[in-house]
Amino acid sequence: MEYLVIGIVVLVGVGVFRYFRQKNVVTILTEDQFREGYRKAQLIDVREPQEFKKGHILGARNIPVTQMKQRLVEMRKDKPLYLYCQSGSRSARAAQLLHKKGYTDINQLKGGFKKWTGKIKNG
């Protein structure tokens, strides 16, 4: 029983730590906030190419999180980054990686592409 309680406390502590670390790395934006700024920023879809081809936010570039380390040269550090994925977890990972590489103005779409109601491009 003691080990179970200790395990739960550790898991909750790790979750809280990740939450606050994530808050310092990325600004999570509502769809309206995201829409206000993404045209002046680097709009990056971090999903896999097959997902991107099925539909993406108009004007987005596809740089999958799985390829991000190799494609850093495609993103400027002096312009805001607007990231999204399907639900938000991959764009959060991408934000962590970009932060470690020196990017500072990183923004993420709350709820991801599945919550997006704006213009999209299919195919």
C-alpha atoms as a PDB file:
ATOM      1  CA  MET A   1       0.000   0.000   0.000  1.00  0.00           C
ATOM      2  CA  GLU A   2       2.844   2.421   0.873  1.00  0.00           C
ATOM      3  CA  TYR A   3       4.483   1.828  -2.515  1.00  0.00           C
ATOM      4  CA  LEU A   4       1.208   2.560  -4.292  1.00  0.00           C
ATOM      5  CA  VAL A   5       0.833   5.889  -2.488  1.00  0.00           C
ATOM      6  CA  ILE A   6       4.469   6.790  -3.190  1.00  0.00           C
ATOM      7  CA  GLY A   7       4.002   5.844  -6.849  1.00  0.00           C
ATOM      8  CA  ILE A   8       0.896   8.013  -7.167  1.00  0.00           C
ATOM      9  CA  VAL A   9       2.633  10.973  -5.505  1.00  0.00           C
ATOM     10  CA  VAL A  10       5.602  10.639  -7.868  1.00  0.00           C
ATOM     11  CA  LEU A  11       3.339  10.445 -10.935  1.00  0.00           C
ATOM     12  CA  VAL A  12       1.355  13.500  -9.859  1.00  0.00           C
ATOM     13  CA  GLY A  13       4.598  15.367  -9.153  1.00  0.00           C
ATOM     14  CA  VAL A  14       5.985  14.523 -12.592  1.00  0.00           C
ATOM     15  CA  GLY A  15       2.726  15.657 -14.216  1.00  0.00           C
ATOM     16  CA  VAL A  16       2.772  18.978 -12.346  1.00  0.00           C
ATOM     17  CA  PHE A  17       6.446  19.500 -13.245  1.00  0.00           C
ATOM     18  CA  ARG A  18       5.760  18.841 -16.945  1.00  0.00           C
ATOM     19  CA  TYR A  19       2.764  21.193 -16.911  1.00  0.00           C
ATOM     20  CA  PHE A  20       4.761  24.120 -15.516  1.00  0.00           C
ATOM     21  CA  ARG A  21       7.795  23.394 -17.708  1.00  0.00           C
ATOM     22  CA  GLN A  22       5.516  23.351 -20.748  1.00  0.00           C
ATOM     23  CA  LYS A  23       3.954  26.679 -19.734  1.00  0.00           C
ATOM     24  CA  ASN A  24       7.390  28.333 -19.779  1.00  0.00           C
ATOM     25  CA  VAL A  25       8.212  26.949 -23.231  1.00  0.00           C
ATOM     26  CA  VAL A  26       5.074  27.502 -25.286  1.00  0.00           C
ATOM     27  CA  THR A  27       2.095  29.836 -25.337  1.00  0.00           C
ATOM     28  CA  ILE A  28      -1.101  27.876 -25.805  1.00  0.00           C
ATOM     29  CA  LEU A  29      -3.531  29.868 -27.918  1.00  0.00           C
ATOM     30  CA  THR A  30      -7.258  29.554 -28.457  1.00  0.00           C
ATOM     31  CA  GLU A  31      -8.362  29.282 -32.069  1.00  0.00           C
ATOM     32  CA  ASP A  32      -9.210  33.009 -32.148  1.00  0.00           C
ATOM     33  CA  GLN A  33      -5.804  33.978 -30.728  1.00  0.00           C
ATOM     34  CA  PHE A  34      -4.074  31.577 -33.129  1.00  0.00           C
ATOM     35  CA  ARG A  35      -5.996  33.016 -36.080  1.00  0.00           C
ATOM     36  CA  GLU A  36      -4.973  36.578 -35.122  1.00  0.00           C
ATOM     37  CA  GLY A  37      -1.251  35.882 -35.426  1.00  0.00           C
ATOM     38  CA  TYR A  38      -0.518  32.895 -37.632  1.00  0.00           C
ATOM     39  CA  ARG A  39      -0.391  34.815 -40.923  1.00  0.00           C
ATOM     40  CA  LYS A  40       2.564  36.870 -39.637  1.00  0.00           C
ATOM     41  CA  ALA A  41       4.323  33.802 -38.262  1.00  0.00           C
ATOM     42  CA  GLN A  42       5.793  30.509 -39.371  1.00  0.00           C
ATOM     43  CA  LEU A  43       2.810  28.160 -39.427  1.00  0.00           C
ATOM     44  CA  ILE A  44       4.044  24.599 -38.911  1.00  0.00           C
ATOM     45  CA  ASP A  45       1.965  21.412 -39.011  1.00  0.00           C
ATOM     46  CA  VAL A  46       3.981  18.826 -37.061  1.00  0.00           C
ATOM     47  CA  ARG A  47       1.842  15.830 -38.089  1.00  0.00           C
ATOM     48  CA  GLU A  48       3.046  13.137 -40.468  1.00  0.00           C
ATOM     49  CA  PRO A  49       2.849  13.792 -44.249  1.00  0.00           C
ATOM     50  CA  GLN A  50      -0.108  11.443 -44.801  1.00  0.00           C
ATOM     51  CA  GLU A  51      -2.113  13.357 -42.174  1.00  0.00           C
ATOM     52  CA  PHE A  52      -1.091  16.702 -43.690  1.00  0.00           C
ATOM     53  CA  LYS A  53      -2.242  15.558 -47.151  1.00  0.00           C
ATOM     54  CA  LYS A  54      -5.703  14.706 -45.825  1.00  0.00           C
ATOM     55  CA  GLY A  55      -6.163  18.328 -44.732  1.00  0.00           C
ATOM     56  CA  HIS A  56      -4.279  21.175 -43.068  1.00  0.00           C
ATOM     57  CA  ILE A  57      -4.633  24.823 -42.122  1.00  0.00           C
ATOM     58  CA  LEU A  58      -4.303  27.009 -45.197  1.00  0.00           C
ATOM     59  CA  GLY A  59      -0.719  28.282 -45.457  1.00  0.00           C
ATOM     60  CA  ALA A  60       0.862  25.675 -43.168  1.00  0.00           C
ATOM     61  CA  ARG A  61       4.165  23.948 -43.875  1.00  0.00           C
ATOM     62  CA  ASN A  62       4.561  20.313 -42.947  1.00  0.00           C
ATOM     63  CA  ILE A  63       7.570  19.634 -40.718  1.00  0.00           C
ATOM     64  CA  PRO A  64       6.731  16.447 -38.795  1.00  0.00           C
ATOM     65  CA  VAL A  65       7.981  16.302 -35.210  1.00  0.00           C
ATOM     66  CA  THR A  66       9.770  13.077 -36.211  1.00  0.00           C
ATOM     67  CA  GLN A  67      11.899  15.081 -38.703  1.00  0.00           C
ATOM     68  CA  MET A  68      12.205  18.332 -36.776  1.00  0.00           C
ATOM     69  CA  LYS A  69      15.829  17.933 -35.583  1.00  0.00           C
ATOM     70  CA  GLN A  70      16.984  17.414 -39.174  1.00  0.00           C
ATOM     71  CA  ARG A  71      14.903  20.323 -40.514  1.00  0.00           C
ATOM     72  CA  LEU A  72      15.671  23.094 -38.017  1.00  0.00           C
ATOM     73  CA  VAL A  73      17.295  25.182 -40.773  1.00  0.00           C
ATOM     74  CA  GLU A  74      13.828  25.595 -42.316  1.00  0.00           C
ATOM     75  CA  MET A  75      12.612  27.602 -39.308  1.00  0.00           C
ATOM     76  CA  ARG A  76      13.789  31.067 -38.356  1.00  0.00           C
ATOM     77  CA  LYS A  77      14.508  31.970 -34.729  1.00  0.00           C
ATOM     78  CA  ASP A  78      13.580  35.627 -35.263  1.00  0.00           C
ATOM     79  CA  LYS A  79       9.954  34.979 -36.274  1.00  0.00           C
ATOM     80  CA  PRO A  80       7.154  33.511 -34.167  1.00  0.00           C
ATOM     81  CA  LEU A  81       6.395  29.818 -34.607  1.00  0.00           C
ATOM     82  CA  TYR A  82       2.774  28.683 -34.646  1.00  0.00           C
ATOM     83  CA  LEU A  83       2.598  24.920 -34.204  1.00  0.00           C
ATOM     84  CA  TYR A  84      -0.237  22.452 -34.375  1.00  0.00           C
ATOM     85  CA  CYS A  85      -0.821  18.717 -34.625  1.00  0.00           C
ATOM     86  CA  GLN A  86      -3.990  16.643 -34.463  1.00  0.00           C
ATOM     87  CA  SER A  87      -4.740  17.149 -30.759  1.00  0.00           C
ATOM     88  CA  GLY A  88      -1.823  19.001 -29.140  1.00  0.00           C
ATOM     89  CA  SER A  89       0.556  16.370 -27.784  1.00  0.00           C
ATOM     90  CA  ARG A  90       2.989  16.258 -30.718  1.00  0.00           C
ATOM     91  CA  SER A  91       3.095  20.035 -31.031  1.00  0.00           C
ATOM     92  CA  ALA A  92       3.940  20.182 -27.307  1.00  0.00           C
ATOM     93  CA  ARG A  93       6.869  17.801 -27.935  1.00  0.00           C
ATOM     94  CA  ALA A  94       7.949  19.902 -30.918  1.00  0.00           C
ATOM     95  CA  ALA A  95       7.826  23.027 -28.745  1.00  0.00           C
ATOM     96  CA  GLN A  96      10.096  21.375 -26.157  1.00  0.00           C
ATOM     97  CA  LEU A  97      12.610  20.430 -28.845  1.00  0.00           C
ATOM     98  CA  LEU A  98      12.546  23.891 -30.436  1.00  0.00           C
ATOM     99  CA  HIS A  99      12.958  25.561 -27.044  1.00  0.00           C
ATOM    100  CA  LYS A 100      16.057  23.442 -26.359  1.00  0.00           C
ATOM    101  CA  LYS A 101      17.440  24.569 -29.727  1.00  0.00           C
ATOM    102  CA  GLY A 102      17.067  28.258 -28.847  1.00  0.00           C
ATOM    103  CA  TYR A 103      13.680  29.197 -30.294  1.00  0.00           C
ATOM    104  CA  THR A 104      11.767  31.537 -28.001  1.00  0.00           C
ATOM    105  CA  ASP A 105       8.477  32.691 -29.565  1.00  0.00           C
ATOM    106  CA  ILE A 106       6.642  29.357 -29.739  1.00  0.00           C
ATOM    107  CA  ASN A 107       2.860  29.156 -29.882  1.00  0.00           C
ATOM    108  CA  GLN A 108       0.558  26.142 -29.990  1.00  0.00           C
ATOM    109  CA  LEU A 109      -3.046  25.727 -31.131  1.00  0.00           C
ATOM    110  CA  LYS A 110      -5.174  24.588 -28.197  1.00  0.00           C
ATOM    111  CA  GLY A 111      -6.941  21.338 -29.052  1.00  0.00           C
ATOM    112  CA  GLY A 112      -5.057  20.935 -32.329  1.00  0.00           C
ATOM    113  CA  PHE A 113      -6.313  20.547 -35.873  1.00  0.00           C
ATOM    114  CA  LYS A 114      -9.328  18.485 -34.830  1.00  0.00           C
ATOM    115  CA  LYS A 115     -10.743  21.581 -33.067  1.00  0.00           C
ATOM    116  CA  TRP A 116      -9.908  24.002 -35.925  1.00  0.00           C
ATOM    117  CA  THR A 117     -12.953  25.568 -37.607  1.00  0.00           C
ATOM    118  CA  GLY A 118     -11.101  27.947 -39.969  1.00  0.00           C
ATOM    119  CA  LYS A 119     -10.078  27.512 -43.576  1.00  0.00           C
ATOM    120  CA  ILE A 120      -8.329  24.302 -44.519  1.00  0.00           C
ATOM    121  CA  LYS A 121      -6.760  22.896 -47.639  1.00  0.00           C
ATOM    122  CA  ASN A 122      -7.467  19.304 -48.607  1.00  0.00           C
ATOM    123  CA  GLY A 123      -4.965  17.314 -50.609  1.00  0.00           C
END
